[in-house]
Amino acid sequence: MSPQDANPLATVQQIDRVYVDVRQPVERFQLLREALAEGQGPGSATAEILSPSGRPYPVSGRILFSDVTVDPGTGNAIVRVLVNNSQRLLLPGMYVRARLPRMRIPDALTVPQQAVTRDPGGNALVGVIDGQGRVQPRKVILGNVVDGNYVVKSGLKVGDTIVVVGMDRVQPGTPVNPQPWQPRAIASQR
């Protein structure tokens, strides 16, 4: 080795505390930050660290709200999570996943994903059964998907009866005989 050689003999890396960078849509990250600031969020800014197969590691991380960057190509926020790695389970360059906390929405209305159709303009629609037993399409504003259901931000109210299966075969104003939806029965028929 000579003084002009640019190749390092060794690389020293800290592994007792590591950073995990997570990509999130900017809107989702901003909602989380605002909810935590207002005390309406999940209660902490911790992230669960998962293996590539989805198994949780016995470590969690703290979201660093100050080290956020936005990828101009995708519009996603790159959120940095600081993980205490005293057991040295995580190594530099490893691929892991992180589950960031979700915002709590008290009394949220949800609808199964298959109940939602789109009009030619891309607007979300749900078939609502009116007082005369006829199906009427209703425009809804949707939020995130949680466990296979859309969170409905607006357009529905408690007590509305919606069409979950067969909306693509029903014309507006068609009389229907609604039956209770049984998601497990449908899943087992596939």
C-alpha atoms as a PDB file:
ATOM      1  CA  MET A   1       0.000   0.000   0.000  1.00  0.00           C
ATOM      2  CA  SER A   2       1.250   3.459  -0.840  1.00  0.00           C
ATOM      3  CA  PRO A   3       0.175   6.921   0.365  1.00  0.00           C
ATOM      4  CA  GLN A   4      -1.487   7.531  -3.035  1.00  0.00           C
ATOM      5  CA  ASP A   5      -3.638   4.372  -2.871  1.00  0.00           C
ATOM      6  CA  ALA A   6      -7.357   5.328  -2.640  1.00  0.00           C
ATOM      7  CA  ASN A   7      -8.593   1.863  -1.622  1.00  0.00           C
ATOM      8  CA  PRO A   8      -9.461   1.606   2.079  1.00  0.00           C
ATOM      9  CA  LEU A   9      -7.988  -1.173   4.180  1.00  0.00           C
ATOM     10  CA  ALA A  10     -11.142  -1.407   6.279  1.00  0.00           C
ATOM     11  CA  THR A  11     -14.533   0.221   6.587  1.00  0.00           C
ATOM     12  CA  VAL A  12     -15.798   0.949  10.096  1.00  0.00           C
ATOM     13  CA  GLN A  13     -19.575   0.938  10.488  1.00  0.00           C
ATOM     14  CA  GLN A  14     -21.640   1.565  13.570  1.00  0.00           C
ATOM     15  CA  ILE A  15     -24.243  -1.168  14.042  1.00  0.00           C
ATOM     16  CA  ASP A  16     -25.490  -0.701  17.603  1.00  0.00           C
ATOM     17  CA  ARG A  17     -27.783   2.033  16.214  1.00  0.00           C
ATOM     18  CA  VAL A  18     -28.829   1.879  12.562  1.00  0.00           C
ATOM     19  CA  TYR A  19     -31.024   3.919  10.250  1.00  0.00           C
ATOM     20  CA  VAL A  20     -33.826   2.410   8.203  1.00  0.00           C
ATOM     21  CA  ASP A  21     -35.097   4.544   5.320  1.00  0.00           C
ATOM     22  CA  VAL A  22     -38.775   4.025   4.483  1.00  0.00           C
ATOM     23  CA  ARG A  23     -40.663   5.339   1.458  1.00  0.00           C
ATOM     24  CA  GLN A  24     -44.155   6.672   2.139  1.00  0.00           C
ATOM     25  CA  PRO A  25     -46.534   8.857   0.134  1.00  0.00           C
ATOM     26  CA  VAL A  26     -45.953  12.445   1.281  1.00  0.00           C
ATOM     27  CA  GLU A  27     -49.643  12.912   2.114  1.00  0.00           C
ATOM     28  CA  ARG A  28     -49.654   9.910   4.439  1.00  0.00           C
ATOM     29  CA  PHE A  29     -46.511  11.052   6.207  1.00  0.00           C
ATOM     30  CA  GLN A  30     -47.861  14.595   6.653  1.00  0.00           C
ATOM     31  CA  LEU A  31     -51.129  13.253   8.106  1.00  0.00           C
ATOM     32  CA  LEU A  32     -49.158  11.133  10.588  1.00  0.00           C
ATOM     33  CA  ARG A  33     -47.002  14.078  11.627  1.00  0.00           C
ATOM     34  CA  GLU A  34     -50.032  16.373  12.069  1.00  0.00           C
ATOM     35  CA  ALA A  35     -51.974  13.728  14.017  1.00  0.00           C
ATOM     36  CA  LEU A  36     -49.059  13.129  16.386  1.00  0.00           C
ATOM     37  CA  ALA A  37     -48.603  16.868  16.905  1.00  0.00           C
ATOM     38  CA  GLU A  38     -52.311  17.269  17.746  1.00  0.00           C
ATOM     39  CA  GLY A  39     -52.306  14.257  20.065  1.00  0.00           C
ATOM     40  CA  GLN A  40     -54.725  12.347  17.811  1.00  0.00           C
ATOM     41  CA  GLY A  41     -52.195   9.951  16.332  1.00  0.00           C
ATOM     42  CA  PRO A  42     -51.305   6.440  17.396  1.00  0.00           C
ATOM     43  CA  GLY A  43     -49.624   7.682  20.567  1.00  0.00           C
ATOM     44  CA  SER A  44     -46.010   7.265  19.592  1.00  0.00           C
ATOM     45  CA  ALA A  45     -43.708   7.775  16.680  1.00  0.00           C
ATOM     46  CA  THR A  46     -42.301   4.246  16.702  1.00  0.00           C
ATOM     47  CA  ALA A  47     -42.012   1.893  13.753  1.00  0.00           C
ATOM     48  CA  GLU A  48     -42.021  -1.887  13.814  1.00  0.00           C
ATOM     49  CA  ILE A  49     -39.128  -3.461  11.885  1.00  0.00           C
ATOM     50  CA  LEU A  50     -39.951  -6.553   9.811  1.00  0.00           C
ATOM     51  CA  SER A  51     -37.863  -9.135   7.991  1.00  0.00           C
ATOM     52  CA  PRO A  52     -38.349  -9.464   4.211  1.00  0.00           C
ATOM     53  CA  SER A  53     -40.736 -12.359   4.918  1.00  0.00           C
ATOM     54  CA  GLY A  54     -42.843 -10.155   7.214  1.00  0.00           C
ATOM     55  CA  ARG A  55     -41.732 -11.523  10.594  1.00  0.00           C
ATOM     56  CA  PRO A  56     -41.198  -8.776  13.174  1.00  0.00           C
ATOM     57  CA  TYR A  57     -37.721  -8.304  14.588  1.00  0.00           C
ATOM     58  CA  PRO A  58     -37.551  -7.838  18.393  1.00  0.00           C
ATOM     59  CA  VAL A  59     -36.510  -4.210  17.828  1.00  0.00           C
ATOM     60  CA  SER A  60     -38.447  -1.069  17.019  1.00  0.00           C
ATOM     61  CA  GLY A  61     -37.404   2.283  15.716  1.00  0.00           C
ATOM     62  CA  ARG A  62     -38.132   5.931  16.376  1.00  0.00           C
ATOM     63  CA  ILE A  63     -39.296   8.031  13.433  1.00  0.00           C
ATOM     64  CA  LEU A  64     -37.027  11.028  12.939  1.00  0.00           C
ATOM     65  CA  PHE A  65     -39.293  13.760  11.666  1.00  0.00           C
ATOM     66  CA  SER A  66     -36.297  16.029  11.018  1.00  0.00           C
ATOM     67  CA  ASP A  67     -34.544  13.737   8.503  1.00  0.00           C
ATOM     68  CA  VAL A  68     -37.285  13.481   5.876  1.00  0.00           C
ATOM     69  CA  THR A  69     -36.534  14.010   2.197  1.00  0.00           C
ATOM     70  CA  VAL A  70     -38.812  13.835  -0.840  1.00  0.00           C
ATOM     71  CA  ASP A  71     -37.860  11.919  -3.960  1.00  0.00           C
ATOM     72  CA  PRO A  72     -38.703  14.349  -6.795  1.00  0.00           C
ATOM     73  CA  GLY A  73     -39.124  11.468  -9.249  1.00  0.00           C
ATOM     74  CA  THR A  74     -41.849   9.657  -7.290  1.00  0.00           C
ATOM     75  CA  GLY A  75     -43.145  12.256  -4.839  1.00  0.00           C
ATOM     76  CA  ASN A  76     -42.597   9.808  -1.981  1.00  0.00           C
ATOM     77  CA  ALA A  77     -41.166  10.917   1.333  1.00  0.00           C
ATOM     78  CA  ILE A  78     -38.089   9.033   2.458  1.00  0.00           C
ATOM     79  CA  VAL A  79     -38.607   8.747   6.192  1.00  0.00           C
ATOM     80  CA  ARG A  80     -35.633   7.902   8.395  1.00  0.00           C
ATOM     81  CA  VAL A  81     -36.183   5.575  11.358  1.00  0.00           C
ATOM     82  CA  LEU A  82     -33.518   5.255  14.076  1.00  0.00           C
ATOM     83  CA  VAL A  83     -33.319   1.690  15.426  1.00  0.00           C
ATOM     84  CA  ASN A  84     -31.559   0.663  18.626  1.00  0.00           C
ATOM     85  CA  ASN A  85     -29.741  -2.434  17.391  1.00  0.00           C
ATOM     86  CA  SER A  86     -27.911  -3.514  20.567  1.00  0.00           C
ATOM     87  CA  GLN A  87     -28.454  -7.202  19.705  1.00  0.00           C
ATOM     88  CA  ARG A  88     -26.888  -6.539  16.282  1.00  0.00           C
ATOM     89  CA  LEU A  89     -29.714  -8.230  14.409  1.00  0.00           C
ATOM     90  CA  LEU A  90     -29.686  -5.642  11.629  1.00  0.00           C
ATOM     91  CA  LEU A  91     -26.626  -5.184   9.463  1.00  0.00           C
ATOM     92  CA  PRO A  92     -25.743  -2.344   7.075  1.00  0.00           C
ATOM     93  CA  GLY A  93     -27.161  -2.969   3.633  1.00  0.00           C
ATOM     94  CA  MET A  94     -29.800  -5.484   4.807  1.00  0.00           C
ATOM     95  CA  TYR A  95     -33.231  -5.321   3.259  1.00  0.00           C
ATOM     96  CA  VAL A  96     -35.927  -4.878   5.907  1.00  0.00           C
ATOM     97  CA  ARG A  97     -39.410  -3.466   5.981  1.00  0.00           C
ATOM     98  CA  ALA A  98     -40.849  -1.030   8.476  1.00  0.00           C
ATOM     99  CA  ARG A  99     -44.446  -0.663   9.582  1.00  0.00           C
ATOM    100  CA  LEU A 100     -45.153   2.941  10.477  1.00  0.00           C
ATOM    101  CA  PRO A 101     -48.017   3.677  12.840  1.00  0.00           C
ATOM    102  CA  ARG A 102     -51.358   4.489  11.307  1.00  0.00           C
ATOM    103  CA  MET A 103     -53.479   7.388  12.251  1.00  0.00           C
ATOM    104  CA  ARG A 104     -56.461   6.470  14.431  1.00  0.00           C
ATOM    105  CA  ILE A 105     -59.812   7.504  13.039  1.00  0.00           C
ATOM    106  CA  PRO A 106     -62.523   7.126  15.670  1.00  0.00           C
ATOM    107  CA  ASP A 107     -65.900   5.979  14.300  1.00  0.00           C
ATOM    108  CA  ALA A 108     -64.483   5.497  10.795  1.00  0.00           C
ATOM    109  CA  LEU A 109     -66.746   4.090   8.101  1.00  0.00           C
ATOM    110  CA  THR A 110     -65.212   1.396   5.926  1.00  0.00           C
ATOM    111  CA  VAL A 111     -66.429  -0.487   2.878  1.00  0.00           C
ATOM    112  CA  PRO A 112     -65.014  -3.643   1.289  1.00  0.00           C
ATOM    113  CA  GLN A 113     -62.766  -2.890  -1.687  1.00  0.00           C
ATOM    114  CA  GLN A 114     -65.007  -4.874  -4.039  1.00  0.00           C
ATOM    115  CA  ALA A 115     -67.951  -2.560  -3.246  1.00  0.00           C
ATOM    116  CA  VAL A 116     -66.190   0.362  -4.947  1.00  0.00           C
ATOM    117  CA  THR A 117     -66.432   1.022  -8.676  1.00  0.00           C
ATOM    118  CA  ARG A 118     -65.119   3.934 -10.722  1.00  0.00           C
ATOM    119  CA  ASP A 119     -66.866   6.216 -13.177  1.00  0.00           C
ATOM    120  CA  PRO A 120     -65.179   7.188 -16.474  1.00  0.00           C
ATOM    121  CA  GLY A 121     -63.586  10.180 -14.705  1.00  0.00           C
ATOM    122  CA  GLY A 122     -61.974   7.915 -12.099  1.00  0.00           C
ATOM    123  CA  ASN A 123     -64.278   8.988  -9.259  1.00  0.00           C
ATOM    124  CA  ALA A 124     -65.065   6.324  -6.647  1.00  0.00           C
ATOM    125  CA  LEU A 125     -68.685   5.176  -6.533  1.00  0.00           C
ATOM    126  CA  VAL A 126     -70.636   2.947  -4.161  1.00  0.00           C
ATOM    127  CA  GLY A 127     -74.095   1.565  -4.896  1.00  0.00           C
ATOM    128  CA  VAL A 128     -76.439   2.705  -2.120  1.00  0.00           C
ATOM    129  CA  ILE A 129     -79.891   1.179  -1.674  1.00  0.00           C
ATOM    130  CA  ASP A 130     -82.450   3.940  -1.201  1.00  0.00           C
ATOM    131  CA  GLY A 131     -85.735   3.843   0.787  1.00  0.00           C
ATOM    132  CA  GLN A 132     -87.612   2.278  -2.159  1.00  0.00           C
ATOM    133  CA  GLY A 133     -85.103  -0.598  -2.423  1.00  0.00           C
ATOM    134  CA  ARG A 134     -83.471   0.767  -5.577  1.00  0.00           C
ATOM    135  CA  VAL A 135     -79.748   1.054  -6.194  1.00  0.00           C
ATOM    136  CA  GLN A 136     -78.354   4.553  -6.630  1.00  0.00           C
ATOM    137  CA  PRO A 137     -74.674   5.222  -7.326  1.00  0.00           C
ATOM    138  CA  ARG A 138     -73.115   7.610  -4.841  1.00  0.00           C
ATOM    139  CA  LYS A 139     -69.781   9.366  -5.175  1.00  0.00           C
ATOM    140  CA  VAL A 140     -67.489   8.765  -2.193  1.00  0.00           C
ATOM    141  CA  ILE A 141     -64.108  10.093  -1.145  1.00  0.00           C
ATOM    142  CA  LEU A 142     -61.821   7.274  -0.055  1.00  0.00           C
ATOM    143  CA  GLY A 143     -58.845   7.128   2.273  1.00  0.00           C
ATOM    144  CA  ASN A 144     -56.362   4.342   2.901  1.00  0.00           C
ATOM    145  CA  VAL A 145     -57.015   0.620   2.609  1.00  0.00           C
ATOM    146  CA  VAL A 146     -57.041  -1.141   5.979  1.00  0.00           C
ATOM    147  CA  ASP A 147     -57.420  -4.929   6.080  1.00  0.00           C
ATOM    148  CA  GLY A 148     -59.073  -5.068   2.644  1.00  0.00           C
ATOM    149  CA  ASN A 149     -61.490  -2.203   3.328  1.00  0.00           C
ATOM    150  CA  TYR A 150     -61.431   1.398   2.155  1.00  0.00           C
ATOM    151  CA  VAL A 151     -61.776   4.088   4.802  1.00  0.00           C
ATOM    152  CA  VAL A 152     -64.592   6.368   3.572  1.00  0.00           C
ATOM    153  CA  LYS A 153     -63.796  10.031   4.181  1.00  0.00           C
ATOM    154  CA  SER A 154     -67.137  11.317   2.884  1.00  0.00           C
ATOM    155  CA  GLY A 155     -70.183  10.314   0.874  1.00  0.00           C
ATOM    156  CA  LEU A 156     -71.677   7.694   3.207  1.00  0.00           C
ATOM    157  CA  LYS A 157     -73.326   7.850   6.587  1.00  0.00           C
ATOM    158  CA  VAL A 158     -73.995   5.308   9.304  1.00  0.00           C
ATOM    159  CA  GLY A 159     -76.973   3.154   8.377  1.00  0.00           C
ATOM    160  CA  ASP A 160     -76.530   3.343   4.583  1.00  0.00           C
ATOM    161  CA  THR A 161     -76.991  -0.041   2.904  1.00  0.00           C
ATOM    162  CA  ILE A 162     -74.547  -0.636   0.085  1.00  0.00           C
ATOM    163  CA  VAL A 163     -74.099  -3.185  -2.692  1.00  0.00           C
ATOM    164  CA  VAL A 164     -70.916  -5.200  -2.147  1.00  0.00           C
ATOM    165  CA  VAL A 165     -71.259  -7.964  -4.744  1.00  0.00           C
ATOM    166  CA  GLY A 166     -72.655  -7.453  -8.234  1.00  0.00           C
ATOM    167  CA  MET A 167     -72.595  -3.665  -8.531  1.00  0.00           C
ATOM    168  CA  ASP A 168     -71.117  -4.028 -12.019  1.00  0.00           C
ATOM    169  CA  ARG A 169     -74.305  -5.856 -13.116  1.00  0.00           C
ATOM    170  CA  VAL A 170     -76.837  -3.443 -11.578  1.00  0.00           C
ATOM    171  CA  GLN A 171     -78.154  -0.375 -13.385  1.00  0.00           C
ATOM    172  CA  PRO A 172     -79.039   2.797 -11.409  1.00  0.00           C
ATOM    173  CA  GLY A 173     -82.633   2.663 -10.192  1.00  0.00           C
ATOM    174  CA  THR A 174     -82.816  -1.130 -10.326  1.00  0.00           C
ATOM    175  CA  PRO A 175     -84.914  -2.625  -7.502  1.00  0.00           C
ATOM    176  CA  VAL A 176     -82.971  -5.137  -5.426  1.00  0.00           C
ATOM    177  CA  ASN A 177     -83.628  -7.494  -2.558  1.00  0.00           C
ATOM    178  CA  PRO A 178     -80.639  -6.849  -0.241  1.00  0.00           C
ATOM    179  CA  GLN A 179     -79.089  -9.748   1.627  1.00  0.00           C
ATOM    180  CA  PRO A 180     -76.553  -9.453   4.450  1.00  0.00           C
ATOM    181  CA  TRP A 181     -73.020  -9.667   3.113  1.00  0.00           C
ATOM    182  CA  GLN A 182     -70.960 -12.588   4.393  1.00  0.00           C
ATOM    183  CA  PRO A 183     -67.310 -12.050   3.455  1.00  0.00           C
ATOM    184  CA  ARG A 184     -66.126 -15.491   4.614  1.00  0.00           C
ATOM    185  CA  ALA A 185     -68.730 -17.333   2.546  1.00  0.00           C
ATOM    186  CA  ILE A 186     -67.620 -15.464  -0.568  1.00  0.00           C
ATOM    187  CA  ALA A 187     -63.937 -16.104   0.142  1.00  0.00           C
ATOM    188  CA  SER A 188     -64.545 -19.830   0.630  1.00  0.00           C
ATOM    189  CA  GLN A 189     -66.385 -20.122  -2.703  1.00  0.00           C
ATOM    190  CA  ARG A 190     -63.282 -19.075  -4.670  1.00  0.00           C
END
